[in-house]
Amino acid sequence: MSDVPRRDPAALLADPRINSEQLRLYDDPDGCPVLVVGCVHDHPASTFRARALVESLRPDVVGVELPRLALPLFERVGRDANGDASTGGEMSAALAAAANTGADRTGIDTLGPRFARSLLSELRRESASLDTLERVLGSVSDVAGHALSCRLSAALGRFGTAAPVNDRANEHDIGRDATPSMQAEDEHRQLTRSLSVLRAFEQPLANDVVDAAREETMVASLADVRQRGSVVAVVGFDHLSGMTKLLDARGWTRYDPDAESLERFLH
């Protein structure tokens, strides 16, 4: 049993860094709760949110938006930071909290047969051009290279480096020493700005194809790991809408994430 302090759901939701816009709560067909947490990568508000929800709800499984190959290095970064990851952001923070509370940890994103099938299906559906195919392959190659470098660094133990994590980290103008309200406001501004950019400029088809395949892969992975019990999944906020549509299409029961519904994790 973990000695990490647990907060009740009402206390969690009282923090400005945690609100229903960032959460999607479902019951799977067996009545087991699955919570998907949207994050701005490496933002201090998101890092807090991922860690606090895992520590307090104590799910059986924590899934993160990483290939499984990359998981060990992000776990090490979170462990070295004593669960308050200054590097690795929300992914390392969630993994450290999962380790502290005894939850299983898994990567739910890309680089496997399931992702390959989803990617091929999306390419066929979009009748992708050669240029789009080349862009997609380049994107996937970049993800695979990063995951392999993470795995190699983790395998080297103390001789390895956290550079594959640090080099991909997003920098933000606000730090963990800012007040919760300041962190939440800054995160909201960044999300609003990102949405405005997306509405103003059409994303390349290659990005749409890869994102759709990733979201299908992550939802299918959640459907697998939920068989081990309750699940908290930590993903980028830009994947939250797509994953929500896919989970709704599976017929899972969706709840408003309030204090009462989150109590389901505590039973």
Protein backbone atom coordinates (compact mmCIF):
# COMPACT_ATOMS: atom_id res chain seq x y z
CA MET A 1 0.00 0.00 0.00
CA SER A 2 1.33 3.41 -0.95
CA ASP A 3 2.13 6.04 1.67
CA VAL A 4 1.51 8.85 -0.87
CA PRO A 5 -1.19 11.18 0.56
CA ARG A 6 -4.54 10.75 -1.18
CA ARG A 7 -6.88 13.64 -1.84
CA ASP A 8 -10.59 13.13 -2.31
CA PRO A 9 -12.00 14.03 -5.74
CA ALA A 10 -13.68 17.20 -4.46
CA ALA A 11 -10.32 18.52 -3.25
CA LEU A 12 -8.73 17.61 -6.60
CA LEU A 13 -11.34 19.49 -8.60
CA ALA A 14 -10.99 22.53 -6.34
CA ASP A 15 -7.50 23.05 -7.76
CA PRO A 16 -7.63 25.39 -10.80
CA ARG A 17 -5.19 23.14 -12.67
CA ILE A 18 -7.80 20.36 -12.79
CA ASN A 19 -11.16 20.88 -14.47
CA SER A 20 -13.64 18.91 -16.53
CA GLU A 21 -12.45 20.38 -19.86
CA GLN A 22 -9.22 18.43 -19.48
CA LEU A 23 -10.85 15.11 -18.50
CA ARG A 24 -12.90 12.41 -20.23
CA LEU A 25 -14.38 9.81 -17.89
CA TYR A 26 -15.85 6.52 -19.10
CA ASP A 27 -17.05 3.17 -17.86
CA ASP A 28 -15.90 0.31 -20.03
CA PRO A 29 -18.35 -2.52 -20.91
CA ASP A 30 -17.48 -4.25 -17.61
CA GLY A 31 -18.18 -1.13 -15.54
CA CYS A 32 -14.51 -0.31 -14.86
CA PRO A 33 -13.60 3.41 -14.90
CA VAL A 34 -11.26 4.83 -17.53
CA LEU A 35 -10.10 8.44 -17.26
CA VAL A 36 -8.33 10.19 -20.15
CA VAL A 37 -6.37 13.27 -19.07
CA GLY A 38 -5.52 15.95 -21.64
CA CYS A 39 -2.25 17.83 -21.18
CA VAL A 40 -0.12 20.58 -22.69
CA HIS A 41 3.18 18.76 -23.03
CA ASP A 42 5.69 19.68 -20.30
CA HIS A 43 3.56 22.52 -18.91
CA PRO A 44 3.77 22.75 -15.09
CA ALA A 45 -0.03 22.75 -14.75
CA SER A 46 -0.27 19.56 -16.80
CA THR A 47 2.62 17.96 -14.91
CA PHE A 48 0.79 18.65 -11.66
CA ARG A 49 -2.52 17.39 -13.07
CA ALA A 50 -1.09 14.08 -14.25
CA ARG A 51 0.73 13.42 -10.99
CA ALA A 52 -2.12 14.51 -8.69
CA LEU A 53 -4.80 12.45 -10.47
CA VAL A 54 -2.71 9.28 -10.47
CA GLU A 55 -1.66 9.69 -6.84
CA SER A 56 -5.19 10.41 -5.63
CA LEU A 57 -7.31 8.10 -7.79
CA ARG A 58 -4.77 5.23 -7.66
CA PRO A 59 -5.84 3.38 -10.81
CA ASP A 60 -4.73 -0.17 -11.51
CA VAL A 61 -3.05 0.92 -14.76
CA VAL A 62 -1.51 4.17 -15.97
CA GLY A 63 -1.12 4.55 -19.74
CA VAL A 64 0.87 7.37 -21.30
CA GLU A 65 1.19 8.78 -24.82
CA LEU A 66 4.53 7.09 -25.48
CA PRO A 67 5.72 4.08 -27.46
CA ARG A 68 6.57 1.24 -25.11
CA LEU A 69 10.18 1.42 -26.29
CA ALA A 70 10.50 4.90 -24.78
CA LEU A 71 8.84 4.04 -21.48
CA PRO A 72 11.90 2.96 -19.40
CA LEU A 73 13.78 6.24 -19.92
CA PHE A 74 10.78 8.39 -19.04
CA GLU A 75 10.28 6.21 -15.96
CA ARG A 76 13.90 6.76 -14.96
CA VAL A 77 13.61 10.52 -15.41
CA GLY A 78 10.51 10.57 -13.21
CA ARG A 79 12.16 8.38 -10.60
CA ASP A 80 15.31 10.55 -10.50
CA ALA A 81 13.13 13.63 -10.03
CA ASN A 82 11.36 12.00 -7.04
CA GLY A 83 7.99 12.22 -8.74
CA ASP A 84 8.21 15.98 -9.29
CA ALA A 85 9.56 15.80 -12.81
CA SER A 86 11.41 18.88 -13.94
CA THR A 87 12.18 16.92 -17.10
CA GLY A 88 9.92 14.40 -18.76
CA GLY A 89 6.93 16.61 -18.00
CA GLU A 90 3.54 15.05 -17.43
CA MET A 91 4.59 11.65 -18.79
CA SER A 92 7.42 11.14 -16.31
CA ALA A 93 5.32 12.63 -13.50
CA ALA A 94 2.45 10.21 -14.19
CA LEU A 95 4.82 7.24 -14.40
CA ALA A 96 6.55 8.20 -11.14
CA ALA A 97 3.19 8.57 -9.40
CA ALA A 98 2.11 5.19 -10.80
CA ALA A 99 5.27 3.55 -9.46
CA ASN A 100 4.72 5.16 -6.04
CA THR A 101 1.13 3.90 -5.85
CA GLY A 102 1.81 0.42 -7.25
CA ALA A 103 0.00 0.85 -10.58
CA ASP A 104 1.03 -0.94 -13.76
CA ARG A 105 2.63 1.37 -16.33
CA THR A 106 2.38 1.10 -20.09
CA GLY A 107 2.91 3.09 -23.28
CA ILE A 108 -0.22 3.23 -25.42
CA ASP A 109 1.12 5.07 -28.50
CA THR A 110 2.49 3.93 -31.92
CA LEU A 111 5.21 1.54 -33.10
CA GLY A 112 3.48 -1.81 -33.23
CA PRO A 113 1.32 -3.96 -35.51
CA ARG A 114 -1.84 -2.18 -34.32
CA PHE A 115 -0.44 1.22 -35.29
CA ALA A 116 0.76 -0.09 -38.66
CA ARG A 117 -2.72 -1.42 -39.45
CA SER A 118 -4.37 1.85 -38.42
CA LEU A 119 -1.88 3.85 -40.47
CA LEU A 120 -2.44 1.76 -43.60
CA SER A 121 -6.19 2.05 -43.14
CA GLU A 122 -5.98 5.85 -42.88
CA LEU A 123 -3.74 6.09 -45.95
CA ARG A 124 -6.17 4.02 -48.00
CA ARG A 125 -9.17 5.97 -46.74
CA GLU A 126 -7.55 9.28 -47.72
CA SER A 127 -6.22 7.93 -51.06
CA ALA A 128 -2.94 9.50 -50.01
CA SER A 129 -0.60 10.89 -52.64
CA LEU A 130 3.08 9.93 -52.90
CA ASP A 131 4.04 13.22 -51.28
CA THR A 132 1.73 12.53 -48.33
CA LEU A 133 3.07 8.99 -48.03
CA GLU A 134 6.65 10.30 -47.91
CA ARG A 135 5.73 12.80 -45.20
CA VAL A 136 3.97 10.11 -43.18
CA LEU A 137 6.95 7.77 -43.40
CA GLY A 138 9.27 10.59 -42.37
CA SER A 139 7.13 11.35 -39.33
CA VAL A 140 6.96 7.71 -38.29
CA SER A 141 10.71 7.31 -38.81
CA ASP A 142 11.34 10.30 -36.53
CA VAL A 143 9.14 8.81 -33.79
CA ALA A 144 10.84 5.41 -34.13
CA GLY A 145 14.31 6.96 -33.97
CA HIS A 146 13.44 8.87 -30.81
CA ALA A 147 11.92 5.80 -29.17
CA LEU A 148 15.00 3.71 -29.98
CA SER A 149 17.35 6.35 -28.59
CA CYS A 150 15.25 6.41 -25.40
CA ARG A 151 15.45 2.63 -25.10
CA LEU A 152 19.21 2.59 -25.68
CA SER A 153 19.80 5.29 -23.06
CA ALA A 154 17.66 3.39 -20.55
CA ALA A 155 19.51 0.13 -21.30
CA LEU A 156 22.84 1.82 -20.58
CA GLY A 157 21.72 2.52 -17.01
CA ARG A 158 23.90 5.05 -15.21
CA PHE A 159 25.99 5.40 -18.35
CA GLY A 160 22.94 6.49 -20.31
CA THR A 161 21.68 10.03 -20.73
CA ALA A 162 18.34 11.75 -20.38
CA ALA A 163 19.07 13.77 -23.53
CA PRO A 164 16.39 12.04 -25.67
CA VAL A 165 13.82 13.26 -23.15
CA ASN A 166 15.34 16.67 -22.50
CA ASP A 167 15.93 17.48 -26.17
CA ARG A 168 12.23 16.97 -26.98
CA ALA A 169 10.96 18.97 -24.00
CA ASN A 170 8.77 22.01 -24.63
CA GLU A 171 9.83 25.20 -22.88
CA HIS A 172 7.23 27.37 -21.15
CA ASP A 173 7.43 30.88 -19.77
CA ILE A 174 5.97 29.86 -16.40
CA GLY A 175 7.52 27.55 -13.80
CA ARG A 176 6.41 25.18 -11.06
CA ASP A 177 6.99 27.91 -8.48
CA ALA A 178 4.10 29.97 -9.91
CA THR A 179 0.77 29.84 -8.08
CA PRO A 180 -1.78 27.22 -9.18
CA SER A 181 -4.01 29.96 -10.61
CA MET A 182 -1.16 31.47 -12.61
CA GLN A 183 -0.22 28.05 -13.99
CA ALA A 184 -3.83 27.30 -14.95
CA GLU A 185 -4.27 30.69 -16.64
CA ASP A 186 -1.05 30.32 -18.62
CA GLU A 187 -2.00 26.82 -19.76
CA HIS A 188 -5.45 28.05 -20.83
CA ARG A 189 -3.88 30.87 -22.85
CA GLN A 190 -1.63 28.41 -24.64
CA LEU A 191 -4.54 26.12 -25.46
CA THR A 192 -6.62 29.03 -26.74
CA ARG A 193 -3.73 30.23 -28.90
CA SER A 194 -3.15 26.73 -30.30
CA LEU A 195 -6.83 26.33 -31.18
CA SER A 196 -6.82 29.70 -32.93
CA VAL A 197 -3.82 28.66 -35.04
CA LEU A 198 -5.47 25.35 -35.96
CA ARG A 199 -8.62 27.14 -37.08
CA ALA A 200 -6.65 29.66 -39.13
CA PHE A 201 -4.38 27.21 -40.95
CA GLU A 202 -5.23 23.84 -42.44
CA GLN A 203 -3.01 21.06 -41.14
CA PRO A 204 -1.14 18.98 -43.76
CA LEU A 205 -2.90 15.75 -44.64
CA ALA A 206 0.11 13.73 -43.49
CA ASN A 207 -0.33 15.12 -39.97
CA ASP A 208 -4.03 14.26 -40.00
CA VAL A 209 -3.28 10.70 -41.12
CA VAL A 210 -0.64 10.09 -38.46
CA ASP A 211 -2.74 11.70 -35.70
CA ALA A 212 -5.80 9.61 -36.62
CA ALA A 213 -3.76 6.39 -36.62
CA ARG A 214 -2.20 7.29 -33.28
CA GLU A 215 -5.58 8.03 -31.72
CA GLU A 216 -7.03 4.75 -32.99
CA THR A 217 -3.99 2.95 -31.57
CA MET A 218 -4.26 4.63 -28.17
CA VAL A 219 -7.99 3.90 -27.85
CA ALA A 220 -7.47 0.25 -28.85
CA SER A 221 -4.65 0.03 -26.28
CA LEU A 222 -6.97 1.40 -23.60
CA ALA A 223 -9.55 -1.24 -24.53
CA ASP A 224 -6.85 -3.87 -23.88
CA VAL A 225 -5.36 -2.56 -20.63
CA ARG A 226 -8.75 -1.81 -19.03
CA GLN A 227 -9.09 -5.60 -18.64
CA ARG A 228 -6.50 -5.27 -15.84
CA GLY A 229 -8.70 -2.82 -13.91
CA SER A 230 -9.24 0.93 -13.65
CA VAL A 231 -7.16 3.12 -15.97
CA VAL A 232 -5.84 6.68 -16.08
CA ALA A 233 -4.40 7.65 -19.47
CA VAL A 234 -2.27 10.78 -19.96
CA VAL A 235 -2.24 12.22 -23.50
CA GLY A 236 -1.64 15.48 -25.32
CA PHE A 237 -4.63 17.79 -25.30
CA ASP A 238 -4.71 17.84 -29.11
CA HIS A 239 -5.57 14.12 -29.10
CA LEU A 240 -8.41 14.46 -26.59
CA SER A 241 -11.14 15.30 -29.10
CA GLY A 242 -10.26 12.49 -31.50
CA MET A 243 -9.99 9.91 -28.73
CA THR A 244 -13.31 11.08 -27.29
CA LYS A 245 -15.07 10.45 -30.61
CA LEU A 246 -13.54 6.98 -30.87
CA LEU A 247 -14.46 6.05 -27.29
CA ASP A 248 -18.00 7.33 -27.80
CA ALA A 249 -18.22 5.23 -30.97
CA ARG A 250 -17.30 2.13 -28.96
CA GLY A 251 -20.43 2.67 -26.88
CA TRP A 252 -18.62 3.18 -23.59
CA THR A 253 -20.64 5.05 -20.96
CA ARG A 254 -19.44 8.62 -20.57
CA TYR A 255 -19.77 10.60 -17.33
CA ASP A 256 -19.25 14.21 -16.42
CA PRO A 257 -16.01 14.14 -14.39
CA ASP A 258 -17.21 15.53 -11.08
CA ALA A 259 -16.47 14.61 -7.47
CA GLU A 260 -19.17 11.94 -7.39
CA SER A 261 -18.23 10.20 -10.64
CA LEU A 262 -14.50 10.19 -9.82
CA GLU A 263 -15.31 8.37 -6.59
CA ARG A 264 -15.71 5.30 -8.79
CA PHE A 265 -11.91 4.94 -8.71
CA LEU A 266 -11.90 4.68 -4.94
CA HIS A 267 -14.17 1.63 -4.61
